[in-house]
Amino acid sequence: MFQLIEYNEDNYSDYEWFDGFAVIRFYADWCAPCVQNFPVFEQCAEQLSAQHAQIKFGKVNVDQSPILTLRYNVYGLPSTLIFYRGQIVKRIAGVKTLSELRTIIERAMCEQD
């Protein structure tokens, strides 16, 4: 079942220690592109979660989690990081369409196989 998890400094190890892919969107409530594009990210997450068992999706509010924001060198919003077994394998900067986002994530997954 699809679940988009809100991560912060208390629970981020859930995706860092995950033995698969984790796609994490860094955003802010005041960021207009983040808010406008969030339904696209959510739709992509729902579609890919249904197709791939070893993938999790989450989001991090940069205002509520400044340590994570600095830890992963997130400077522009929205930023989406793809982790594989705790390591960043891809950074996606800015707003993407649904097809662009799916293609980038699927390509990153194929590169790790």
PDB file of N, CA and C in Angstrom:
ATOM      1  N   MET A   1       0.838  -1.191   0.000  1.00  0.00           N
ATOM      2  CA  MET A   1       0.000   0.000   0.000  1.00  0.00           C
ATOM      3  C   MET A   1       0.875   1.243   0.000  1.00  0.00           C
ATOM      4  N   PHE A   2       0.499   2.224  -0.794  1.00  0.00           N
ATOM      5  CA  PHE A   2       1.284   3.445  -0.937  1.00  0.00           C
ATOM      6  C   PHE A   2       1.181   4.324   0.302  1.00  0.00           C
ATOM      7  N   GLN A   3       2.344   4.820   0.726  1.00  0.00           N
ATOM      8  CA  GLN A   3       2.371   5.754   1.843  1.00  0.00           C
ATOM      9  C   GLN A   3       3.527   6.724   1.637  1.00  0.00           C
ATOM     10  N   LEU A   4       3.223   7.996   1.616  1.00  0.00           N
ATOM     11  CA  LEU A   4       4.237   9.033   1.512  1.00  0.00           C
ATOM     12  C   LEU A   4       4.550   9.494   2.928  1.00  0.00           C
ATOM     13  N   ILE A   5       5.782   9.267   3.360  1.00  0.00           N
ATOM     14  CA  ILE A   5       6.163   9.503   4.750  1.00  0.00           C
ATOM     15  C   ILE A   5       6.824  10.873   4.900  1.00  0.00           C
ATOM     16  N   GLU A   6       6.476  11.567   5.961  1.00  0.00           N
ATOM     17  CA  GLU A   6       7.116  12.834   6.302  1.00  0.00           C
ATOM     18  C   GLU A   6       8.331  12.506   7.166  1.00  0.00           C
ATOM     19  N   TYR A   7       9.525  12.767   6.632  1.00  0.00           N
ATOM     20  CA  TYR A   7      10.751  12.479   7.359  1.00  0.00           C
ATOM     21  C   TYR A   7      11.285  13.743   8.020  1.00  0.00           C
ATOM     22  N   ASN A   8      12.037  13.530   9.102  1.00  0.00           N
ATOM     23  CA  ASN A   8      12.683  14.630   9.813  1.00  0.00           C
ATOM     24  C   ASN A   8      13.946  14.080  10.478  1.00  0.00           C
ATOM     25  N   GLU A   9      14.550  14.877  11.339  1.00  0.00           N
ATOM     26  CA  GLU A   9      15.793  14.445  11.985  1.00  0.00           C
ATOM     27  C   GLU A   9      15.611  13.242  12.907  1.00  0.00           C
ATOM     28  N   ASP A  10      14.382  12.968  13.325  1.00  0.00           N
ATOM     29  CA  ASP A  10      14.132  11.854  14.229  1.00  0.00           C
ATOM     30  C   ASP A  10      13.953  10.512  13.522  1.00  0.00           C
ATOM     31  N   ASN A  11      13.493  10.521  12.275  1.00  0.00           N
ATOM     32  CA  ASN A  11      13.182   9.246  11.622  1.00  0.00           C
ATOM     33  C   ASN A  11      13.873   9.044  10.274  1.00  0.00           C
ATOM     34  N   TYR A  12      14.840   9.889   9.929  1.00  0.00           N
ATOM     35  CA  TYR A  12      15.478   9.786   8.615  1.00  0.00           C
ATOM     36  C   TYR A  12      16.250   8.481   8.432  1.00  0.00           C
ATOM     37  N   SER A  13      16.660   7.844   9.502  1.00  0.00           N
ATOM     38  CA  SER A  13      17.396   6.582   9.369  1.00  0.00           C
ATOM     39  C   SER A  13      16.538   5.501   8.713  1.00  0.00           C
ATOM     40  N   ASP A  14      15.234   5.700   8.723  1.00  0.00           N
ATOM     41  CA  ASP A  14      14.318   4.760   8.079  1.00  0.00           C
ATOM     42  C   ASP A  14      14.625   4.630   6.586  1.00  0.00           C
ATOM     43  N   TYR A  15      14.991   5.726   5.918  1.00  0.00           N
ATOM     44  CA  TYR A  15      15.360   5.614   4.507  1.00  0.00           C
ATOM     45  C   TYR A  15      16.866   5.460   4.320  1.00  0.00           C
ATOM     46  N   GLU A  16      17.661   5.958   5.251  1.00  0.00           N
ATOM     47  CA  GLU A  16      19.113   5.793   5.118  1.00  0.00           C
ATOM     48  C   GLU A  16      19.538   4.334   5.263  1.00  0.00           C
ATOM     49  N   TRP A  17      18.820   3.579   6.059  1.00  0.00           N
ATOM     50  CA  TRP A  17      19.162   2.180   6.295  1.00  0.00           C
ATOM     51  C   TRP A  17      18.311   1.226   5.457  1.00  0.00           C
ATOM     52  N   PHE A  18      17.462   1.771   4.597  1.00  0.00           N
ATOM     53  CA  PHE A  18      16.579   0.948   3.774  1.00  0.00           C
ATOM     54  C   PHE A  18      17.387   0.203   2.717  1.00  0.00           C
ATOM     55  N   ASP A  19      17.103  -1.076   2.544  1.00  0.00           N
ATOM     56  CA  ASP A  19      17.857  -1.912   1.613  1.00  0.00           C
ATOM     57  C   ASP A  19      17.218  -1.899   0.225  1.00  0.00           C
ATOM     58  N   GLY A  20      16.925  -0.728  -0.264  1.00  0.00           N
ATOM     59  CA  GLY A  20      16.310  -0.561  -1.576  1.00  0.00           C
ATOM     60  C   GLY A  20      16.430   0.891  -1.977  1.00  0.00           C
ATOM     61  N   PHE A  21      15.483   1.346  -2.755  1.00  0.00           N
ATOM     62  CA  PHE A  21      15.485   2.733  -3.214  1.00  0.00           C
ATOM     63  C   PHE A  21      14.566   3.583  -2.360  1.00  0.00           C
ATOM     64  N   ALA A  22      15.028   4.770  -2.048  1.00  0.00           N
ATOM     65  CA  ALA A  22      14.212   5.760  -1.346  1.00  0.00           C
ATOM     66  C   ALA A  22      14.279   7.053  -2.151  1.00  0.00           C
ATOM     67  N   VAL A  23      13.121   7.588  -2.454  1.00  0.00           N
ATOM     68  CA  VAL A  23      13.029   8.832  -3.222  1.00  0.00           C
ATOM     69  C   VAL A  23      12.451   9.878  -2.280  1.00  0.00           C
ATOM     70  N   ILE A  24      13.270  10.875  -1.951  1.00  0.00           N
ATOM     71  CA  ILE A  24      12.913  11.851  -0.926  1.00  0.00           C
ATOM     72  C   ILE A  24      12.843  13.251  -1.529  1.00  0.00           C
ATOM     73  N   ARG A  25      11.696  13.898  -1.360  1.00  0.00           N
ATOM     74  CA  ARG A  25      11.480  15.256  -1.881  1.00  0.00           C
ATOM     75  C   ARG A  25      11.705  16.255  -0.753  1.00  0.00           C
ATOM     76  N   PHE A  26      12.626  17.186  -0.969  1.00  0.00           N
ATOM     77  CA  PHE A  26      12.870  18.287  -0.036  1.00  0.00           C
ATOM     78  C   PHE A  26      12.050  19.481  -0.523  1.00  0.00           C
ATOM     79  N   TYR A  27      11.282  20.071   0.383  1.00  0.00           N
ATOM     80  CA  TYR A  27      10.349  21.134   0.002  1.00  0.00           C
ATOM     81  C   TYR A  27      10.183  22.124   1.153  1.00  0.00           C
ATOM     82  N   ALA A  28       9.446  23.198   0.861  1.00  0.00           N
ATOM     83  CA  ALA A  28       9.047  24.163   1.887  1.00  0.00           C
ATOM     84  C   ALA A  28       7.624  24.608   1.565  1.00  0.00           C
ATOM     85  N   ASP A  29       6.857  24.881   2.592  1.00  0.00           N
ATOM     86  CA  ASP A  29       5.477  25.325   2.398  1.00  0.00           C
ATOM     87  C   ASP A  29       5.395  26.678   1.694  1.00  0.00           C
ATOM     88  N   TRP A  30       6.412  27.515   1.836  1.00  0.00           N
ATOM     89  CA  TRP A  30       6.419  28.837   1.224  1.00  0.00           C
ATOM     90  C   TRP A  30       6.918  28.810  -0.223  1.00  0.00           C
ATOM     91  N   CYS A  31       7.375  27.670  -0.689  1.00  0.00           N
ATOM     92  CA  CYS A  31       7.937  27.521  -2.034  1.00  0.00           C
ATOM     93  C   CYS A  31       6.808  27.209  -3.028  1.00  0.00           C
ATOM     94  N   ALA A  32       6.445  28.185  -3.848  1.00  0.00           N
ATOM     95  CA  ALA A  32       5.338  28.006  -4.795  1.00  0.00           C
ATOM     96  C   ALA A  32       5.558  26.830  -5.755  1.00  0.00           C
ATOM     97  N   PRO A  33       6.743  26.688  -6.373  1.00  0.00           N
ATOM     98  CA  PRO A  33       6.943  25.528  -7.249  1.00  0.00           C
ATOM     99  C   PRO A  33       6.798  24.195  -6.507  1.00  0.00           C
ATOM    100  N   CYS A  34       7.229  24.147  -5.249  1.00  0.00           N
ATOM    101  CA  CYS A  34       7.090  22.923  -4.448  1.00  0.00           C
ATOM    102  C   CYS A  34       5.616  22.560  -4.281  1.00  0.00           C
ATOM    103  N   VAL A  35       4.830  23.548  -3.905  1.00  0.00           N
ATOM    104  CA  VAL A  35       3.402  23.330  -3.657  1.00  0.00           C
ATOM    105  C   VAL A  35       2.682  22.967  -4.953  1.00  0.00           C
ATOM    106  N   GLN A  36       2.969  23.688  -6.030  1.00  0.00           N
ATOM    107  CA  GLN A  36       2.296  23.447  -7.305  1.00  0.00           C
ATOM    108  C   GLN A  36       2.664  22.092  -7.890  1.00  0.00           C
ATOM    109  N   ASN A  37       3.901  21.650  -7.715  1.00  0.00           N
ATOM    110  CA  ASN A  37       4.365  20.409  -8.328  1.00  0.00           C
ATOM    111  C   ASN A  37       4.182  19.195  -7.432  1.00  0.00           C
ATOM    112  N   PHE A  38       3.786  19.394  -6.180  1.00  0.00           N
ATOM    113  CA  PHE A  38       3.678  18.261  -5.261  1.00  0.00           C
ATOM    114  C   PHE A  38       2.717  17.183  -5.744  1.00  0.00           C
ATOM    115  N   PRO A  39       1.551  17.506  -6.322  1.00  0.00           N
ATOM    116  CA  PRO A  39       0.665  16.444  -6.822  1.00  0.00           C
ATOM    117  C   PRO A  39       1.327  15.548  -7.870  1.00  0.00           C
ATOM    118  N   VAL A  40       2.240  16.095  -8.662  1.00  0.00           N
ATOM    119  CA  VAL A  40       2.968  15.304  -9.655  1.00  0.00           C
ATOM    120  C   VAL A  40       3.881  14.313  -8.943  1.00  0.00           C
ATOM    121  N   PHE A  41       4.596  14.776  -7.926  1.00  0.00           N
ATOM    122  CA  PHE A  41       5.470  13.887  -7.149  1.00  0.00           C
ATOM    123  C   PHE A  41       4.649  12.787  -6.485  1.00  0.00           C
ATOM    124  N   GLU A  42       3.531  13.164  -5.910  1.00  0.00           N
ATOM    125  CA  GLU A  42       2.667  12.202  -5.233  1.00  0.00           C
ATOM    126  C   GLU A  42       2.122  11.155  -6.209  1.00  0.00           C
ATOM    127  N   GLN A  43       1.719  11.586  -7.391  1.00  0.00           N
ATOM    128  CA  GLN A  43       1.209  10.663  -8.409  1.00  0.00           C
ATOM    129  C   GLN A  43       2.312   9.705  -8.869  1.00  0.00           C
ATOM    130  N   CYS A  44       3.494  10.231  -9.083  1.00  0.00           N
ATOM    131  CA  CYS A  44       4.639   9.409  -9.475  1.00  0.00           C
ATOM    132  C   CYS A  44       4.941   8.382  -8.388  1.00  0.00           C
ATOM    133  N   ALA A  45       4.935   8.816  -7.150  1.00  0.00           N
ATOM    134  CA  ALA A  45       5.201   7.929  -6.020  1.00  0.00           C
ATOM    135  C   ALA A  45       4.178   6.800  -5.960  1.00  0.00           C
ATOM    136  N   GLU A  46       2.934   7.132  -6.152  1.00  0.00           N
ATOM    137  CA  GLU A  46       1.877   6.124  -6.099  1.00  0.00           C
ATOM    138  C   GLU A  46       2.033   5.104  -7.231  1.00  0.00           C
ATOM    139  N   GLN A  47       2.314   5.578  -8.432  1.00  0.00           N
ATOM    140  CA  GLN A  47       2.476   4.692  -9.586  1.00  0.00           C
ATOM    141  C   GLN A  47       3.671   3.759  -9.414  1.00  0.00           C
ATOM    142  N   LEU A  48       4.822   4.325  -9.042  1.00  0.00           N
ATOM    143  CA  LEU A  48       6.035   3.512  -8.927  1.00  0.00           C
ATOM    144  C   LEU A  48       5.991   2.568  -7.727  1.00  0.00           C
ATOM    145  N   SER A  49       5.333   2.975  -6.652  1.00  0.00           N
ATOM    146  CA  SER A  49       5.188   2.092  -5.487  1.00  0.00           C
ATOM    147  C   SER A  49       4.384   0.854  -5.849  1.00  0.00           C
ATOM    148  N   ALA A  50       3.407   1.025  -6.726  1.00  0.00           N
ATOM    149  CA  ALA A  50       2.578  -0.107  -7.149  1.00  0.00           C
ATOM    150  C   ALA A  50       3.370  -1.071  -8.036  1.00  0.00           C
ATOM    151  N   GLN A  51       4.375  -0.556  -8.742  1.00  0.00           N
ATOM    152  CA  GLN A  51       5.153  -1.378  -9.673  1.00  0.00           C
ATOM    153  C   GLN A  51       6.394  -1.997  -9.050  1.00  0.00           C
ATOM    154  N   HIS A  52       6.945  -1.365  -8.027  1.00  0.00           N
ATOM    155  CA  HIS A  52       8.218  -1.804  -7.448  1.00  0.00           C
ATOM    156  C   HIS A  52       8.080  -1.972  -5.931  1.00  0.00           C
ATOM    157  N   ALA A  53       8.368  -3.155  -5.451  1.00  0.00           N
ATOM    158  CA  ALA A  53       8.238  -3.435  -4.015  1.00  0.00           C
ATOM    159  C   ALA A  53       9.353  -2.780  -3.202  1.00  0.00           C
ATOM    160  N   GLN A  54      10.536  -2.663  -3.783  1.00  0.00           N
ATOM    161  CA  GLN A  54      11.691  -2.169  -3.036  1.00  0.00           C
ATOM    162  C   GLN A  54      11.932  -0.669  -3.252  1.00  0.00           C
ATOM    163  N   ILE A  55      10.880   0.123  -3.107  1.00  0.00           N
ATOM    164  CA  ILE A  55      11.032   1.569  -3.240  1.00  0.00           C
ATOM    165  C   ILE A  55      10.143   2.251  -2.212  1.00  0.00           C
ATOM    166  N   LYS A  56      10.660   3.286  -1.578  1.00  0.00           N
ATOM    167  CA  LYS A  56       9.866   4.099  -0.659  1.00  0.00           C
ATOM    168  C   LYS A  56       9.963   5.546  -1.069  1.00  0.00           C
ATOM    169  N   PHE A  57       8.916   6.257  -0.778  1.00  0.00           N
ATOM    170  CA  PHE A  57       8.844   7.679  -1.102  1.00  0.00           C
ATOM    171  C   PHE A  57       8.571   8.459   0.172  1.00  0.00           C
ATOM    172  N   GLY A  58       9.209   9.628   0.249  1.00  0.00           N
ATOM    173  CA  GLY A  58       8.987  10.475   1.407  1.00  0.00           C
ATOM    174  C   GLY A  58       9.268  11.924   1.084  1.00  0.00           C
ATOM    175  N   LYS A  59       9.049  12.760   2.088  1.00  0.00           N
ATOM    176  CA  LYS A  59       9.281  14.188   1.922  1.00  0.00           C
ATOM    177  C   LYS A  59       9.904  14.746   3.192  1.00  0.00           C
ATOM    178  N   VAL A  60      10.681  15.813   3.002  1.00  0.00           N
ATOM    179  CA  VAL A  60      11.338  16.483   4.119  1.00  0.00           C
ATOM    180  C   VAL A  60      11.066  17.975   3.991  1.00  0.00           C
ATOM    181  N   ASN A  61      10.472  18.551   5.018  1.00  0.00           N
ATOM    182  CA  ASN A  61      10.248  19.990   5.068  1.00  0.00           C
ATOM    183  C   ASN A  61      11.555  20.644   5.529  1.00  0.00           C
ATOM    184  N   VAL A  62      12.153  21.452   4.670  1.00  0.00           N
ATOM    185  CA  VAL A  62      13.473  22.014   4.972  1.00  0.00           C
ATOM    186  C   VAL A  62      13.447  22.964   6.165  1.00  0.00           C
ATOM    187  N   ASP A  63      12.310  23.603   6.406  1.00  0.00           N
ATOM    188  CA  ASP A  63      12.211  24.508   7.550  1.00  0.00           C
ATOM    189  C   ASP A  63      12.160  23.749   8.870  1.00  0.00           C
ATOM    190  N   GLN A  64      11.601  22.556   8.849  1.00  0.00           N
ATOM    191  CA  GLN A  64      11.482  21.759  10.064  1.00  0.00           C
ATOM    192  C   GLN A  64      12.659  20.801  10.255  1.00  0.00           C
ATOM    193  N   SER A  65      13.466  20.634   9.204  1.00  0.00           N
ATOM    194  CA  SER A  65      14.599  19.705   9.271  1.00  0.00           C
ATOM    195  C   SER A  65      15.863  20.333   8.678  1.00  0.00           C
ATOM    196  N   PRO A  66      16.346  21.412   9.283  1.00  0.00           N
ATOM    197  CA  PRO A  66      17.517  22.096   8.725  1.00  0.00           C
ATOM    198  C   PRO A  66      18.789  21.249   8.737  1.00  0.00           C
ATOM    199  N   ILE A  67      18.918  20.335   9.682  1.00  0.00           N
ATOM    200  CA  ILE A  67      20.116  19.503   9.743  1.00  0.00           C
ATOM    201  C   ILE A  67      20.167  18.556   8.546  1.00  0.00           C
ATOM    202  N   LEU A  68      19.022  17.951   8.200  1.00  0.00           N
ATOM    203  CA  LEU A  68      18.979  17.074   7.018  1.00  0.00           C
ATOM    204  C   LEU A  68      19.244  17.865   5.750  1.00  0.00           C
ATOM    205  N   THR A  69      18.709  19.068   5.691  1.00  0.00           N
ATOM    206  CA  THR A  69      18.903  19.922   4.524  1.00  0.00           C
ATOM    207  C   THR A  69      20.385  20.206   4.317  1.00  0.00           C
ATOM    208  N   LEU A  70      21.094  20.512   5.383  1.00  0.00           N
ATOM    209  CA  LEU A  70      22.537  20.753   5.299  1.00  0.00           C
ATOM    210  C   LEU A  70      23.310  19.467   5.050  1.00  0.00           C
ATOM    211  N   ARG A  71      22.893  18.392   5.695  1.00  0.00           N
ATOM    212  CA  ARG A  71      23.575  17.100   5.559  1.00  0.00           C
ATOM    213  C   ARG A  71      23.645  16.649   4.102  1.00  0.00           C
ATOM    214  N   TYR A  72      22.558  16.883   3.369  1.00  0.00           N
ATOM    215  CA  TYR A  72      22.487  16.443   1.977  1.00  0.00           C
ATOM    216  C   TYR A  72      22.733  17.577   0.978  1.00  0.00           C
ATOM    217  N   ASN A  73      23.226  18.707   1.461  1.00  0.00           N
ATOM    218  CA  ASN A  73      23.562  19.847   0.596  1.00  0.00           C
ATOM    219  C   ASN A  73      22.416  20.251  -0.324  1.00  0.00           C
ATOM    220  N   VAL A  74      21.243  20.414   0.257  1.00  0.00           N
ATOM    221  CA  VAL A  74      20.066  20.847  -0.498  1.00  0.00           C
ATOM    222  C   VAL A  74      20.026  22.371  -0.452  1.00  0.00           C
ATOM    223  N   TYR A  75      20.182  22.994  -1.615  1.00  0.00           N
ATOM    224  CA  TYR A  75      20.195  24.452  -1.685  1.00  0.00           C
ATOM    225  C   TYR A  75      19.045  25.019  -2.491  1.00  0.00           C
ATOM    226  N   GLY A  76      18.541  24.284  -3.465  1.00  0.00           N
ATOM    227  CA  GLY A  76      17.421  24.741  -4.282  1.00  0.00           C
ATOM    228  C   GLY A  76      16.202  23.886  -4.020  1.00  0.00           C
ATOM    229  N   LEU A  77      15.033  24.475  -4.208  1.00  0.00           N
ATOM    230  CA  LEU A  77      13.784  23.755  -3.973  1.00  0.00           C
ATOM    231  C   LEU A  77      12.894  23.823  -5.204  1.00  0.00           C
ATOM    232  N   PRO A  78      12.117  22.786  -5.433  1.00  0.00           N
ATOM    233  CA  PRO A  78      12.192  21.493  -4.765  1.00  0.00           C
ATOM    234  C   PRO A  78      13.410  20.710  -5.224  1.00  0.00           C
ATOM    235  N   SER A  79      13.918  19.874  -4.364  1.00  0.00           N
ATOM    236  CA  SER A  79      15.014  18.959  -4.682  1.00  0.00           C
ATOM    237  C   SER A  79      14.570  17.553  -4.315  1.00  0.00           C
ATOM    238  N   THR A  80      14.835  16.623  -5.195  1.00  0.00           N
ATOM    239  CA  THR A  80      14.482  15.229  -4.952  1.00  0.00           C
ATOM    240  C   THR A  80      15.764  14.412  -4.993  1.00  0.00           C
ATOM    241  N   LEU A  81      15.994  13.656  -3.936  1.00  0.00           N
ATOM    242  CA  LEU A  81      17.184  12.818  -3.862  1.00  0.00           C
ATOM    243  C   LEU A  81      16.774  11.361  -3.948  1.00  0.00           C
ATOM    244  N   ILE A  82      17.508  10.605  -4.746  1.00  0.00           N
ATOM    245  CA  ILE A  82      17.271   9.165  -4.862  1.00  0.00           C
ATOM    246  C   ILE A  82      18.405   8.453  -4.137  1.00  0.00           C
ATOM    247  N   PHE A  83      18.035   7.662  -3.147  1.00  0.00           N
ATOM    248  CA  PHE A  83      18.989   6.887  -2.361  1.00  0.00           C
ATOM    249  C   PHE A  83      18.891   5.419  -2.755  1.00  0.00           C
ATOM    250  N   TYR A  84      20.024   4.758  -2.769  1.00  0.00           N
ATOM    251  CA  TYR A  84      20.044   3.305  -2.921  1.00  0.00           C
ATOM    252  C   TYR A  84      20.931   2.753  -1.821  1.00  0.00           C
ATOM    253  N   ARG A  85      20.338   1.967  -0.954  1.00  0.00           N
ATOM    254  CA  ARG A  85      21.045   1.414   0.206  1.00  0.00           C
ATOM    255  C   ARG A  85      21.773   2.495   0.994  1.00  0.00           C
ATOM    256  N   GLY A  86      21.091   3.612   1.186  1.00  0.00           N
ATOM    257  CA  GLY A  86      21.604   4.686   2.017  1.00  0.00           C
ATOM    258  C   GLY A  86      22.518   5.685   1.335  1.00  0.00           C
ATOM    259  N   GLN A  87      22.872   5.465   0.085  1.00  0.00           N
ATOM    260  CA  GLN A  87      23.764   6.365  -0.642  1.00  0.00           C
ATOM    261  C   GLN A  87      22.977   7.150  -1.695  1.00  0.00           C
ATOM    262  N   ILE A  88      23.278   8.421  -1.829  1.00  0.00           N
ATOM    263  CA  ILE A  88      22.622   9.220  -2.861  1.00  0.00           C
ATOM    264  C   ILE A  88      23.163   8.788  -4.221  1.00  0.00           C
ATOM    265  N   VAL A  89      22.247   8.379  -5.107  1.00  0.00           N
ATOM    266  CA  VAL A  89      22.657   7.964  -6.446  1.00  0.00           C
ATOM    267  C   VAL A  89      22.208   8.968  -7.511  1.00  0.00           C
ATOM    268  N   LYS A  90      21.282   9.864  -7.154  1.00  0.00           N
ATOM    269  CA  LYS A  90      20.802  10.849  -8.122  1.00  0.00           C
ATOM    270  C   LYS A  90      20.166  12.020  -7.393  1.00  0.00           C
ATOM    271  N   ARG A  91      20.414  13.219  -7.929  1.00  0.00           N
ATOM    272  CA  ARG A  91      19.766  14.442  -7.446  1.00  0.00           C
ATOM    273  C   ARG A  91      18.920  14.998  -8.577  1.00  0.00           C
ATOM    274  N   ILE A  92      17.698  15.361  -8.255  1.00  0.00           N
ATOM    275  CA  ILE A  92      16.797  15.956  -9.236  1.00  0.00           C
ATOM    276  C   ILE A  92      16.460  17.355  -8.742  1.00  0.00           C
ATOM    277  N   ALA A  93      16.887  18.345  -9.490  1.00  0.00           N
ATOM    278  CA  ALA A  93      16.666  19.734  -9.091  1.00  0.00           C
ATOM    279  C   ALA A  93      15.459  20.311  -9.822  1.00  0.00           C
ATOM    280  N   GLY A  94      14.640  21.020  -9.075  1.00  0.00           N
ATOM    281  CA  GLY A  94      13.538  21.746  -9.688  1.00  0.00           C
ATOM    282  C   GLY A  94      12.313  20.905 -10.005  1.00  0.00           C
ATOM    283  N   VAL A  95      11.407  21.544 -10.721  1.00  0.00           N
ATOM    284  CA  VAL A  95      10.119  20.963 -11.085  1.00  0.00           C
ATOM    285  C   VAL A  95      10.278  20.085 -12.317  1.00  0.00           C
ATOM    286  N   LYS A  96       9.659  18.924 -12.297  1.00  0.00           N
ATOM    287  CA  LYS A  96       9.667  17.993 -13.430  1.00  0.00           C
ATOM    288  C   LYS A  96       8.237  17.553 -13.719  1.00  0.00           C
ATOM    289  N   THR A  97       7.990  17.171 -14.965  1.00  0.00           N
ATOM    290  CA  THR A  97       6.692  16.605 -15.314  1.00  0.00           C
ATOM    291  C   THR A  97       6.641  15.177 -14.792  1.00  0.00           C
ATOM    292  N   LEU A  98       5.466  14.592 -14.819  1.00  0.00           N
ATOM    293  CA  LEU A  98       5.312  13.218 -14.355  1.00  0.00           C
ATOM    294  C   LEU A  98       6.182  12.265 -15.165  1.00  0.00           C
ATOM    295  N   SER A  99       6.168  12.398 -16.475  1.00  0.00           N
ATOM    296  CA  SER A  99       6.965  11.488 -17.307  1.00  0.00           C
ATOM    297  C   SER A  99       8.460  11.701 -17.098  1.00  0.00           C
ATOM    298  N   GLU A 100       8.897  12.951 -16.937  1.00  0.00           N
ATOM    299  CA  GLU A 100      10.324  13.221 -16.679  1.00  0.00           C
ATOM    300  C   GLU A 100      10.757  12.588 -15.351  1.00  0.00           C
ATOM    301  N   LEU A 101       9.946  12.777 -14.335  1.00  0.00           N
ATOM    302  CA  LEU A 101      10.275  12.264 -13.010  1.00  0.00           C
ATOM    303  C   LEU A 101      10.331  10.730 -13.014  1.00  0.00           C
ATOM    304  N   ARG A 102       9.338  10.109 -13.621  1.00  0.00           N
ATOM    305  CA  ARG A 102       9.330   8.638 -13.720  1.00  0.00           C
ATOM    306  C   ARG A 102      10.555   8.131 -14.461  1.00  0.00           C
ATOM    307  N   THR A 103      10.877   8.763 -15.576  1.00  0.00           N
ATOM    308  CA  THR A 103      12.022   8.341 -16.382  1.00  0.00           C
ATOM    309  C   THR A 103      13.317   8.448 -15.591  1.00  0.00           C
ATOM    310  N   ILE A 104      13.511   9.553 -14.894  1.00  0.00           N
ATOM    311  CA  ILE A 104      14.737   9.761 -14.110  1.00  0.00           C
ATOM    312  C   ILE A 104      14.854   8.706 -13.011  1.00  0.00           C
ATOM    313  N   ILE A 105      13.761   8.458 -12.295  1.00  0.00           N
ATOM    314  CA  ILE A 105      13.786   7.488 -11.195  1.00  0.00           C
ATOM    315  C   ILE A 105      14.017   6.082 -11.730  1.00  0.00           C
ATOM    316  N   GLU A 106      13.298   5.712 -12.782  1.00  0.00           N
ATOM    317  CA  GLU A 106      13.462   4.364 -13.345  1.00  0.00           C
ATOM    318  C   GLU A 106      14.852   4.153 -13.907  1.00  0.00           C
ATOM    319  N   ARG A 107      15.416   5.186 -14.527  1.00  0.00           N
ATOM    320  CA  ARG A 107      16.782   5.090 -15.063  1.00  0.00           C
ATOM    321  C   ARG A 107      17.782   4.897 -13.911  1.00  0.00           C
ATOM    322  N   ALA A 108      17.599   5.641 -12.843  1.00  0.00           N
ATOM    323  CA  ALA A 108      18.491   5.507 -11.684  1.00  0.00           C
ATOM    324  C   ALA A 108      18.402   4.098 -11.095  1.00  0.00           C
ATOM    325  N   MET A 109      17.204   3.551 -11.074  1.00  0.00           N
ATOM    326  CA  MET A 109      17.024   2.190 -10.556  1.00  0.00           C
ATOM    327  C   MET A 109      17.723   1.169 -11.453  1.00  0.00           C
ATOM    328  N   CYS A 110      17.619   1.344 -12.768  1.00  0.00           N
ATOM    329  CA  CYS A 110      18.260   0.422 -13.704  1.00  0.00           C
ATOM    330  C   CYS A 110      19.781   0.485 -13.604  1.00  0.00           C
ATOM    331  N   GLU A 111      20.308   1.663 -13.369  1.00  0.00           N
ATOM    332  CA  GLU A 111      21.760   1.838 -13.271  1.00  0.00           C
ATOM    333  C   GLU A 111      22.343   1.113 -12.060  1.00  0.00           C
ATOM    334  N   GLN A 112      21.523   0.857 -11.040  1.00  0.00           N
ATOM    335  CA  GLN A 112      22.015   0.207  -9.828  1.00  0.00           C
ATOM    336  C   GLN A 112      21.896  -1.307  -9.889  1.00  0.00           C
ATOM    337  N   ASP A 113      21.179  -1.823 -10.876  1.00  0.00           N
ATOM    338  CA  ASP A 113      21.019  -3.280 -11.002  1.00  0.00           C
ATOM    339  C   ASP A 113      22.250  -3.938 -11.551  1.00  0.00           C
TER     340      ASP A 113
END
